[in-house]
C-alpha atoms as a PDB file:
ATOM      1  CA  UNK A   1      69.789 -30.922  93.275  1.00  0.00           C
ATOM      2  CA  UNK A   2      66.316 -29.129  91.425  1.00  0.00           C
ATOM      3  CA  UNK A   3      67.934 -27.403  88.537  1.00  0.00           C
ATOM      4  CA  UNK A   4      70.894 -29.822  87.856  1.00  0.00           C
ATOM      5  CA  UNK A   5      68.885 -31.221  84.854  1.00  0.00           C
ATOM      6  CA  UNK A   6      67.854 -28.039  83.786  1.00  0.00           C
ATOM      7  CA  UNK A   7      72.045 -26.800  83.540  1.00  0.00           C
ATOM      8  CA  UNK A   8      72.887 -30.093  81.601  1.00  0.00           C
ATOM      9  CA  UNK A   9      70.063 -29.083  79.518  1.00  0.00           C
ATOM     10  CA  UNK A  10      70.797 -25.832  78.511  1.00  0.00           C
ATOM     11  CA  UNK A  11      74.241 -25.032  78.703  1.00  0.00           C
ATOM     12  CA  UNK A  12      77.082 -25.637  76.166  1.00  0.00           C
ATOM     13  CA  UNK A  13      80.914 -25.237  77.176  1.00  0.00           C
ATOM     14  CA  UNK A  14      83.536 -23.262  75.914  1.00  0.00           C
ATOM     15  CA  UNK A  15      87.057 -22.509  77.217  1.00  0.00           C
ATOM     16  CA  UNK A  16      88.534 -19.879  74.669  1.00  0.00           C
ATOM     17  CA  UNK A  17      89.126 -16.639  75.679  1.00  0.00           C
ATOM     18  CA  UNK A  18      87.072 -13.754  74.259  1.00  0.00           C
ATOM     19  CA  UNK A  19      88.665 -12.024  71.126  1.00  0.00           C
ATOM     20  CA  UNK A  20      87.588  -8.890  72.274  1.00  0.00           C
ATOM     21  CA  UNK A  21      89.340  -8.092  75.551  1.00  0.00           C
ATOM     22  CA  UNK A  22      86.673  -5.509  76.420  1.00  0.00           C
ATOM     23  CA  UNK A  23      83.661  -7.387  76.685  1.00  0.00           C
ATOM     24  CA  UNK A  24      83.200 -10.856  78.064  1.00  0.00           C
ATOM     25  CA  UNK A  25      80.548 -13.265  79.638  1.00  0.00           C
ATOM     26  CA  UNK A  26      80.622 -16.884  81.753  1.00  0.00           C
ATOM     27  CA  UNK A  27      78.595 -18.378  83.548  1.00  0.00           C
ATOM     28  CA  UNK A  28      78.048 -19.627  87.251  1.00  0.00           C
ATOM     29  CA  UNK A  29      76.789 -22.407  88.794  1.00  0.00           C
ATOM     30  CA  UNK A  30      75.367 -20.923  92.255  1.00  0.00           C
ATOM     31  CA  UNK A  31      74.308 -22.844  95.518  1.00  0.00           C
ATOM     32  CA  UNK A  32      73.000 -21.198  97.899  1.00  0.00           C
ATOM     33  CA  UNK A  33      71.886 -22.358 101.371  1.00  0.00           C
ATOM     34  CA  UNK A  34      68.682 -21.106 102.512  1.00  0.00           C
ATOM     35  CA  UNK A  35      68.605 -22.034 105.977  1.00  0.00           C
ATOM     36  CA  UNK A  36      72.200 -22.105 107.678  1.00  0.00           C
ATOM     37  CA  UNK A  37      71.702 -24.748 110.035  1.00  0.00           C
ATOM     38  CA  UNK A  38      69.687 -27.090 107.244  1.00  0.00           C
ATOM     39  CA  UNK A  39      72.473 -28.538 104.888  1.00  0.00           C
ATOM     40  CA  UNK A  40      69.383 -30.065 102.883  1.00  0.00           C
ATOM     41  CA  UNK A  41      67.886 -26.286 102.295  1.00  0.00           C
ATOM     42  CA  UNK A  42      70.485 -25.524  99.360  1.00  0.00           C
ATOM     43  CA  UNK A  43      69.002 -24.686  95.700  1.00  0.00           C
ATOM     44  CA  UNK A  44      70.949 -24.116  92.678  1.00  0.00           C
ATOM     45  CA  UNK A  45      71.185 -21.022  90.027  1.00  0.00           C
ATOM     46  CA  UNK A  46      72.595 -19.963  87.124  1.00  0.00           C
ATOM     47  CA  UNK A  47      74.336 -16.759  87.440  1.00  0.00           C
ATOM     48  CA  UNK A  48      75.842 -14.336  84.031  1.00  0.00           C
ATOM     49  CA  UNK A  49      78.694 -12.281  84.636  1.00  0.00           C
ATOM     50  CA  UNK A  50      79.279  -9.814  81.942  1.00  0.00           C
ATOM     51  CA  UNK A  51      82.195  -7.325  81.733  1.00  0.00           C
ATOM     52  CA  UNK A  52      82.746  -4.780  79.588  1.00  0.00           C
ATOM     53  CA  UNK A  53      85.833  -2.452  79.850  1.00  0.00           C
ATOM     54  CA  UNK A  54      85.993  -1.405  83.309  1.00  0.00           C
ATOM     55  CA  UNK A  55      82.383  -2.353  84.445  1.00  0.00           C
ATOM     56  CA  UNK A  56      80.671  -5.654  84.924  1.00  0.00           C
ATOM     57  CA  UNK A  57      77.024  -6.835  85.673  1.00  0.00           C
ATOM     58  CA  UNK A  58      76.134  -9.861  87.433  1.00  0.00           C
ATOM     59  CA  UNK A  59      72.494 -11.224  87.648  1.00  0.00           C
ATOM     60  CA  UNK A  60      70.483 -14.584  87.766  1.00  0.00           C
ATOM     61  CA  UNK A  61      69.739 -16.080  84.183  1.00  0.00           C
ATOM     62  CA  UNK A  62      66.946 -17.759  85.142  1.00  0.00           C
ATOM     63  CA  UNK A  63      65.207 -14.905  87.116  1.00  0.00           C
ATOM     64  CA  UNK A  64      65.853 -13.007  83.965  1.00  0.00           C
ATOM     65  CA  UNK A  65      64.412 -16.191  81.913  1.00  0.00           C
ATOM     66  CA  UNK A  66      61.387 -16.692  84.277  1.00  0.00           C
ATOM     67  CA  UNK A  67      60.893 -12.399  83.844  1.00  0.00           C
ATOM     68  CA  UNK A  68      60.910 -12.737  80.395  1.00  0.00           C
ATOM     69  CA  UNK A  69      58.151 -15.534  80.366  1.00  0.00           C
ATOM     70  CA  UNK A  70      55.967 -13.742  82.730  1.00  0.00           C
ATOM     71  CA  UNK A  71      56.003 -10.784  80.091  1.00  0.00           C
ATOM     72  CA  UNK A  72      53.933 -12.724  78.050  1.00  0.00           C
ATOM     73  CA  UNK A  73      51.557 -14.047  80.691  1.00  0.00           C
ATOM     74  CA  UNK A  74      50.893 -11.608  82.992  1.00  0.00           C
ATOM     75  CA  UNK A  75      48.895 -14.313  85.653  1.00  0.00           C
ATOM     76  CA  UNK A  76      52.129 -15.386  86.716  1.00  0.00           C
ATOM     77  CA  UNK A  77      52.868 -12.792  89.144  1.00  0.00           C
ATOM     78  CA  UNK A  78      54.537 -13.286  92.443  1.00  0.00           C
ATOM     79  CA  UNK A  79      51.280 -12.746  94.166  1.00  0.00           C
ATOM     80  CA  UNK A  80      47.342 -12.054  93.153  1.00  0.00           C
ATOM     81  CA  UNK A  81      45.420  -9.372  94.467  1.00  0.00           C
ATOM     82  CA  UNK A  82      41.083  -9.270  95.281  1.00  0.00           C
ATOM     83  CA  UNK A  83      40.602  -6.253  96.955  1.00  0.00           C
ATOM     84  CA  UNK A  84      42.193  -6.364  99.928  1.00  0.00           C
ATOM     85  CA  UNK A  85      43.004 -10.201  99.542  1.00  0.00           C
ATOM     86  CA  UNK A  86      46.194 -11.360  98.695  1.00  0.00           C
ATOM     87  CA  UNK A  87      47.037 -14.829  97.421  1.00  0.00           C
ATOM     88  CA  UNK A  88      50.871 -15.360  98.166  1.00  0.00           C
ATOM     89  CA  UNK A  89      51.558 -17.983  95.329  1.00  0.00           C
ATOM     90  CA  UNK A  90      54.717 -19.224  95.126  1.00  0.00           C
ATOM     91  CA  UNK A  91      54.102 -22.119  93.056  1.00  0.00           C
ATOM     92  CA  UNK A  92      52.535 -19.851  90.583  1.00  0.00           C
ATOM     93  CA  UNK A  93      55.925 -17.813  90.021  1.00  0.00           C
ATOM     94  CA  UNK A  94      58.217 -20.687  90.505  1.00  0.00           C
ATOM     95  CA  UNK A  95      56.672 -22.064  87.006  1.00  0.00           C
ATOM     96  CA  UNK A  96      58.911 -19.097  85.595  1.00  0.00           C
ATOM     97  CA  UNK A  97      61.433 -19.520  88.075  1.00  0.00           C
ATOM     98  CA  UNK A  98      61.134 -16.292  89.448  1.00  0.00           C
ATOM     99  CA  UNK A  99      62.170 -17.555  93.221  1.00  0.00           C
ATOM    100  CA  UNK A 100      65.734 -17.893  92.211  1.00  0.00           C
ATOM    101  CA  UNK A 101      68.350 -14.946  92.905  1.00  0.00           C
ATOM    102  CA  UNK A 102      66.727 -11.519  92.443  1.00  0.00           C
ATOM    103  CA  UNK A 103      69.819  -9.590  92.977  1.00  0.00           C
ATOM    104  CA  UNK A 104      71.301  -7.724  90.113  1.00  0.00           C
ATOM    105  CA  UNK A 105      74.845  -6.069  90.506  1.00  0.00           C
ATOM    106  CA  UNK A 106      76.717  -3.302  88.613  1.00  0.00           C
ATOM    107  CA  UNK A 107      79.798  -2.619  89.347  1.00  0.00           C
ATOM    108  CA  UNK A 108      81.875   0.282  88.038  1.00  0.00           C
ATOM    109  CA  UNK A 109      85.366  -0.557  88.756  1.00  0.00           C
ATOM    110  CA  UNK A 110      87.172   3.026  87.720  1.00  0.00           C
ATOM    111  CA  UNK A 111      84.971   4.488  90.429  1.00  0.00           C
ATOM    112  CA  UNK A 112      85.122   1.886  92.801  1.00  0.00           C
ATOM    113  CA  UNK A 113      81.223   1.743  93.165  1.00  0.00           C
ATOM    114  CA  UNK A 114      78.447  -0.745  93.091  1.00  0.00           C
ATOM    115  CA  UNK A 115      74.949  -0.092  92.158  1.00  0.00           C
ATOM    116  CA  UNK A 116      72.987  -3.546  93.870  1.00  0.00           C
ATOM    117  CA  UNK A 117      69.222  -3.392  92.778  1.00  0.00           C
ATOM    118  CA  UNK A 118      66.703  -6.530  93.846  1.00  0.00           C
ATOM    119  CA  UNK A 119      63.088  -7.444  93.717  1.00  0.00           C
ATOM    120  CA  UNK A 120      60.782  -8.562  96.417  1.00  0.00           C
ATOM    121  CA  UNK A 121      56.946  -9.196  95.001  1.00  0.00           C
ATOM    122  CA  UNK A 122      56.759  -6.896  92.506  1.00  0.00           C
ATOM    123  CA  UNK A 123      58.602  -3.682  94.035  1.00  0.00           C
ATOM    124  CA  UNK A 124      61.902  -2.409  92.929  1.00  0.00           C
ATOM    125  CA  UNK A 125      64.806  -1.420  94.978  1.00  0.00           C
ATOM    126  CA  UNK A 126      68.351  -0.356  94.713  1.00  0.00           C
ATOM    127  CA  UNK A 127      71.490   1.217  96.411  1.00  0.00           C
ATOM    128  CA  UNK A 128      74.408   2.706  95.506  1.00  0.00           C
ATOM    129  CA  UNK A 129      77.838   1.368  98.148  1.00  0.00           C
ATOM    130  CA  UNK A 130      81.587   1.555  97.645  1.00  0.00           C
ATOM    131  CA  UNK A 131      83.329  -1.398  96.029  1.00  0.00           C
ATOM    132  CA  UNK A 132      85.461  -3.218  98.942  1.00  0.00           C
ATOM    133  CA  UNK A 133      88.276  -5.512  97.578  1.00  0.00           C
ATOM    134  CA  UNK A 134      88.455  -8.447  99.291  1.00  0.00           C
ATOM    135  CA  UNK A 135      92.022  -8.405 101.057  1.00  0.00           C
ATOM    136  CA  UNK A 136      93.216 -11.853  99.262  1.00  0.00           C
ATOM    137  CA  UNK A 137      96.214 -14.502 101.200  1.00  0.00           C
ATOM    138  CA  UNK A 138      97.842 -16.453  97.811  1.00  0.00           C
ATOM    139  CA  UNK A 139      97.924 -20.298  98.086  1.00  0.00           C
ATOM    140  CA  UNK A 140     100.275 -22.957  96.884  1.00  0.00           C
ATOM    141  CA  UNK A 141      97.128 -24.778  95.321  1.00  0.00           C
ATOM    142  CA  UNK A 142      96.264 -25.758  91.615  1.00  0.00           C
ATOM    143  CA  UNK A 143      93.096 -26.371  89.836  1.00  0.00           C
ATOM    144  CA  UNK A 144      91.716 -26.928  86.363  1.00  0.00           C
ATOM    145  CA  UNK A 145      88.576 -25.651  85.902  1.00  0.00           C
ATOM    146  CA  UNK A 146      87.068 -25.650  82.093  1.00  0.00           C
ATOM    147  CA  UNK A 147      90.902 -25.982  80.984  1.00  0.00           C
ATOM    148  CA  UNK A 148      92.415 -23.318  82.524  1.00  0.00           C
ATOM    149  CA  UNK A 149      95.139 -23.120  85.169  1.00  0.00           C
ATOM    150  CA  UNK A 150      93.761 -21.914  87.973  1.00  0.00           C
ATOM    151  CA  UNK A 151      95.721 -20.925  91.373  1.00  0.00           C
ATOM    152  CA  UNK A 152      94.033 -20.475  94.927  1.00  0.00           C
ATOM    153  CA  UNK A 153      93.574 -17.561  97.161  1.00  0.00           C
ATOM    154  CA  UNK A 154      91.886 -17.346 100.469  1.00  0.00           C
ATOM    155  CA  UNK A 155      89.998 -13.988 102.328  1.00  0.00           C
ATOM    156  CA  UNK A 156      87.347 -13.081 105.085  1.00  0.00           C
ATOM    157  CA  UNK A 157      84.709 -10.970 103.426  1.00  0.00           C
ATOM    158  CA  UNK A 158      81.810  -9.112 104.428  1.00  0.00           C
ATOM    159  CA  UNK A 159      81.745 -11.739 107.294  1.00  0.00           C
ATOM    160  CA  UNK A 160      82.252 -15.047 105.528  1.00  0.00           C
ATOM    161  CA  UNK A 161      85.469 -17.057 104.909  1.00  0.00           C
ATOM    162  CA  UNK A 162      86.041 -17.933 101.414  1.00  0.00           C
ATOM    163  CA  UNK A 163      88.645 -20.225  98.980  1.00  0.00           C
ATOM    164  CA  UNK A 164      88.764 -18.809  95.694  1.00  0.00           C
ATOM    165  CA  UNK A 165      90.131 -20.140  92.136  1.00  0.00           C
ATOM    166  CA  UNK A 166      91.288 -17.653  89.663  1.00  0.00           C
ATOM    167  CA  UNK A 167      92.983 -18.008  85.860  1.00  0.00           C
ATOM    168  CA  UNK A 168      96.156 -16.150  85.419  1.00  0.00           C
ATOM    169  CA  UNK A 169      95.553 -16.315  81.383  1.00  0.00           C
ATOM    170  CA  UNK A 170      91.821 -14.531  81.592  1.00  0.00           C
ATOM    171  CA  UNK A 171      93.387 -10.864  82.368  1.00  0.00           C
ATOM    172  CA  UNK A 172      89.882  -9.529  84.369  1.00  0.00           C
ATOM    173  CA  UNK A 173      90.631  -8.882  87.960  1.00  0.00           C
ATOM    174  CA  UNK A 174      86.289  -9.954  88.383  1.00  0.00           C
ATOM    175  CA  UNK A 175      84.702 -12.551  89.908  1.00  0.00           C
ATOM    176  CA  UNK A 176      81.370 -13.873  90.735  1.00  0.00           C
ATOM    177  CA  UNK A 177      79.006 -11.692  92.993  1.00  0.00           C
ATOM    178  CA  UNK A 178      81.254  -8.884  94.788  1.00  0.00           C
ATOM    179  CA  UNK A 179      84.459 -11.005  94.337  1.00  0.00           C
ATOM    180  CA  UNK A 180      87.540  -8.919  92.804  1.00  0.00           C
ATOM    181  CA  UNK A 181      90.831  -7.995  93.056  1.00  0.00           C
ATOM    182  CA  UNK A 182      92.588 -11.179  91.975  1.00  0.00           C
ATOM    183  CA  UNK A 183      95.029 -11.246  88.762  1.00  0.00           C
ATOM    184  CA  UNK A 184      92.850 -13.243  86.723  1.00  0.00           C
ATOM    185  CA  UNK A 185      88.651 -13.822  86.123  1.00  0.00           C
ATOM    186  CA  UNK A 186      88.102 -15.589  89.253  1.00  0.00           C
ATOM    187  CA  UNK A 187      86.257 -19.062  88.339  1.00  0.00           C
ATOM    188  CA  UNK A 188      85.298 -20.515  91.876  1.00  0.00           C
ATOM    189  CA  UNK A 189      84.756 -19.745  95.115  1.00  0.00           C
ATOM    190  CA  UNK A 190      83.389 -21.541  98.234  1.00  0.00           C
ATOM    191  CA  UNK A 191      82.537 -20.572 101.949  1.00  0.00           C
ATOM    192  CA  UNK A 192      84.568 -22.327 104.562  1.00  0.00           C
ATOM    193  CA  UNK A 193      80.789 -23.568 105.853  1.00  0.00           C
ATOM    194  CA  UNK A 194      80.164 -24.521 102.218  1.00  0.00           C
ATOM    195  CA  UNK A 195      77.058 -22.581 102.336  1.00  0.00           C
ATOM    196  CA  UNK A 196      77.386 -20.832  99.262  1.00  0.00           C
ATOM    197  CA  UNK A 197      79.555 -21.370  96.331  1.00  0.00           C
ATOM    198  CA  UNK A 198      80.373 -20.446  92.682  1.00  0.00           C
ATOM    199  CA  UNK A 199      81.543 -21.833  90.067  1.00  0.00           C
ATOM    200  CA  UNK A 200      81.734 -21.196  86.445  1.00  0.00           C
ATOM    201  CA  UNK A 201      80.545 -23.517  84.236  1.00  0.00           C
ATOM    202  CA  UNK A 202      80.754 -21.441  80.861  1.00  0.00           C
ATOM    203  CA  UNK A 203      83.736 -19.563  79.570  1.00  0.00           C
ATOM    204  CA  UNK A 204      82.666 -16.725  76.394  1.00  0.00           C
ATOM    205  CA  UNK A 205      78.927 -17.328  77.014  1.00  0.00           C
ATOM    206  CA  UNK A 206      76.561 -16.106  73.900  1.00  0.00           C
ATOM    207  CA  UNK A 207      75.520 -12.904  72.653  1.00  0.00           C
ATOM    208  CA  UNK A 208      72.281 -14.562  72.418  1.00  0.00           C
ATOM    209  CA  UNK A 209      71.869 -15.891  76.114  1.00  0.00           C
ATOM    210  CA  UNK A 210      72.776 -12.195  77.618  1.00  0.00           C
ATOM    211  CA  UNK A 211      69.939 -10.213  75.637  1.00  0.00           C
ATOM    212  CA  UNK A 212      67.672 -12.223  78.041  1.00  0.00           C
ATOM    213  CA  UNK A 213      68.651  -9.600  80.761  1.00  0.00           C
ATOM    214  CA  UNK A 214      66.377  -7.050  80.976  1.00  0.00           C
ATOM    215  CA  UNK A 215      66.954  -4.157  84.180  1.00  0.00           C
ATOM    216  CA  UNK A 216      64.342  -3.455  86.645  1.00  0.00           C
ATOM    217  CA  UNK A 217      62.411  -0.440  85.767  1.00  0.00           C
ATOM    218  CA  UNK A 218      61.869   2.537  88.197  1.00  0.00           C
ATOM    219  CA  UNK A 219      63.674   0.757  91.090  1.00  0.00           C
ATOM    220  CA  UNK A 220      62.805   3.046  94.472  1.00  0.00           C
ATOM    221  CA  UNK A 221      66.165   4.127  96.072  1.00  0.00           C
ATOM    222  CA  UNK A 222      66.899   3.299  99.496  1.00  0.00           C
ATOM    223  CA  UNK A 223      70.307   2.344 101.240  1.00  0.00           C
ATOM    224  CA  UNK A 224      71.920  -0.877 101.807  1.00  0.00           C
ATOM    225  CA  UNK A 225      70.766  -1.012 105.464  1.00  0.00           C
ATOM    226  CA  UNK A 226      66.714  -0.515 104.434  1.00  0.00           C
ATOM    227  CA  UNK A 227      67.466  -3.016 101.633  1.00  0.00           C
ATOM    228  CA  UNK A 228      68.579  -5.881 103.760  1.00  0.00           C
ATOM    229  CA  UNK A 229      65.662  -4.662 106.574  1.00  0.00           C
ATOM    230  CA  UNK A 230      62.987  -5.016 103.435  1.00  0.00           C
ATOM    231  CA  UNK A 231      64.408  -8.342 101.598  1.00  0.00           C
ATOM    232  CA  UNK A 232      64.971  -9.810 105.753  1.00  0.00           C
ATOM    233  CA  UNK A 233      61.122  -9.621 105.898  1.00  0.00           C
ATOM    234  CA  UNK A 234      59.986 -10.539 102.585  1.00  0.00           C
ATOM    235  CA  UNK A 235      61.684 -13.604 103.206  1.00  0.00           C
ATOM    236  CA  UNK A 236      60.782 -14.265 106.796  1.00  0.00           C
ATOM    237  CA  UNK A 237      57.478 -13.442 106.423  1.00  0.00           C
ATOM    238  CA  UNK A 238      55.892 -12.186 103.095  1.00  0.00           C
ATOM    239  CA  UNK A 239      52.603 -11.053 104.334  1.00  0.00           C
ATOM    240  CA  UNK A 240      54.059  -8.381 106.842  1.00  0.00           C
ATOM    241  CA  UNK A 241      56.454  -7.863 103.899  1.00  0.00           C
ATOM    242  CA  UNK A 242      52.948  -6.967 101.639  1.00  0.00           C
ATOM    243  CA  UNK A 243      51.134  -4.887 104.010  1.00  0.00           C
ATOM    244  CA  UNK A 244      54.451  -2.651 105.080  1.00  0.00           C
ATOM    245  CA  UNK A 245      54.764  -1.546 101.033  1.00  0.00           C
ATOM    246  CA  UNK A 246      50.880  -1.412 100.436  1.00  0.00           C
ATOM    247  CA  UNK A 247      50.235   0.651 103.508  1.00  0.00           C
ATOM    248  CA  UNK A 248      46.692  -1.828 103.803  1.00  0.00           C
ATOM    249  CA  UNK A 249      45.506  -4.361 105.776  1.00  0.00           C
ATOM    250  CA  UNK A 250      46.002  -7.856 104.226  1.00  0.00           C
ATOM    251  CA  UNK A 251      43.877 -11.035 104.377  1.00  0.00           C
ATOM    252  CA  UNK A 252      45.304 -13.751 103.053  1.00  0.00           C
ATOM    253  CA  UNK A 253      44.449 -16.735 101.326  1.00  0.00           C
ATOM    254  CA  UNK A 254      45.701 -20.001  99.611  1.00  0.00           C
ATOM    255  CA  UNK A 255      45.884 -21.574  96.309  1.00  0.00           C
ATOM    256  CA  UNK A 256      42.535 -23.086  97.393  1.00  0.00           C
ATOM    257  CA  UNK A 257      40.494 -19.680  98.290  1.00  0.00           C
ATOM    258  CA  UNK A 258      41.054 -20.651 102.054  1.00  0.00           C
ATOM    259  CA  UNK A 259      41.710 -17.659 104.639  1.00  0.00           C
ATOM    260  CA  UNK A 260      45.013 -18.334 106.364  1.00  0.00           C
ATOM    261  CA  UNK A 261      46.318 -16.354 109.517  1.00  0.00           C
ATOM    262  CA  UNK A 262      48.891 -13.480 107.990  1.00  0.00           C
ATOM    263  CA  UNK A 263      50.522 -14.073 111.184  1.00  0.00           C
ATOM    264  CA  UNK A 264      52.944 -16.188 109.984  1.00  0.00           C
ATOM    265  CA  UNK A 265      55.848 -17.708 111.908  1.00  0.00           C
ATOM    266  CA  UNK A 266      59.469 -16.055 110.678  1.00  0.00           C
ATOM    267  CA  UNK A 267      60.880 -18.122 107.983  1.00  0.00           C
ATOM    268  CA  UNK A 268      64.868 -18.724 108.224  1.00  0.00           C
ATOM    269  CA  UNK A 269      66.955 -16.286 106.554  1.00  0.00           C
ATOM    270  CA  UNK A 270      70.707 -16.808 105.636  1.00  0.00           C
ATOM    271  CA  UNK A 271      72.036 -14.126 103.601  1.00  0.00           C
ATOM    272  CA  UNK A 272      75.975 -14.373 102.089  1.00  0.00           C
ATOM    273  CA  UNK A 273      76.520 -11.085 103.297  1.00  0.00           C
ATOM    274  CA  UNK A 274      77.078 -10.573 107.195  1.00  0.00           C
ATOM    275  CA  UNK A 275      77.866  -7.032 107.432  1.00  0.00           C
ATOM    276  CA  UNK A 276      75.552  -4.268 108.645  1.00  0.00           C
END
């Protein structure tokens, strides 16, 4: 995996439980298979879950780290424009990890609501949704993760089948992404097709690390259906997405300045949430 070396370098491991029961953070290794039929299309990311009182915040540490660096170098953007010419420069953006998971999830457990924010090619969007708790089936399996005794549970959630491992000794009914509702912090989740994996790699993440987070500003309010459609288009055909959002005709060129066709073939798209 392309981030394994980075994970080894930047992460330290802690296994004690936070002294302040109202504030707790941890890191997860997130593996996503971008193409449903291609096991070689997997990539790694590092996600942070921060819990405070009855709320949680979940985001990509690498994306946030990259956005911080981009603030110091404004030339590192998702795409460059000169008149109506657009250079879609994934190479430039990926220098600062901006090609990683872009979704930010805020959950208010008291009101059972979530706010999902996302970013595509410099455009920011967000929608509010009712939080759905998976219907868990308790299993008999046991596992040790980061010195924590974990128990097994399974569920069918948002179109996929998952096995989860939770630590009863860590008293938070929360976990990565939208997973919640088990009697202990969820430390590992994997789907039965092995296309998505969340595995906790650090407990008690330091405040210095979580300070990297910066929320998306001026997000456009949309519905979940609208955001899903925009994300699908931005992944499958980024030039068509830029044209649709900007309202102008786009002439595309590669990094060498050579013109390329805007009629791009659809790229594979494998979202974790398979529900409408």
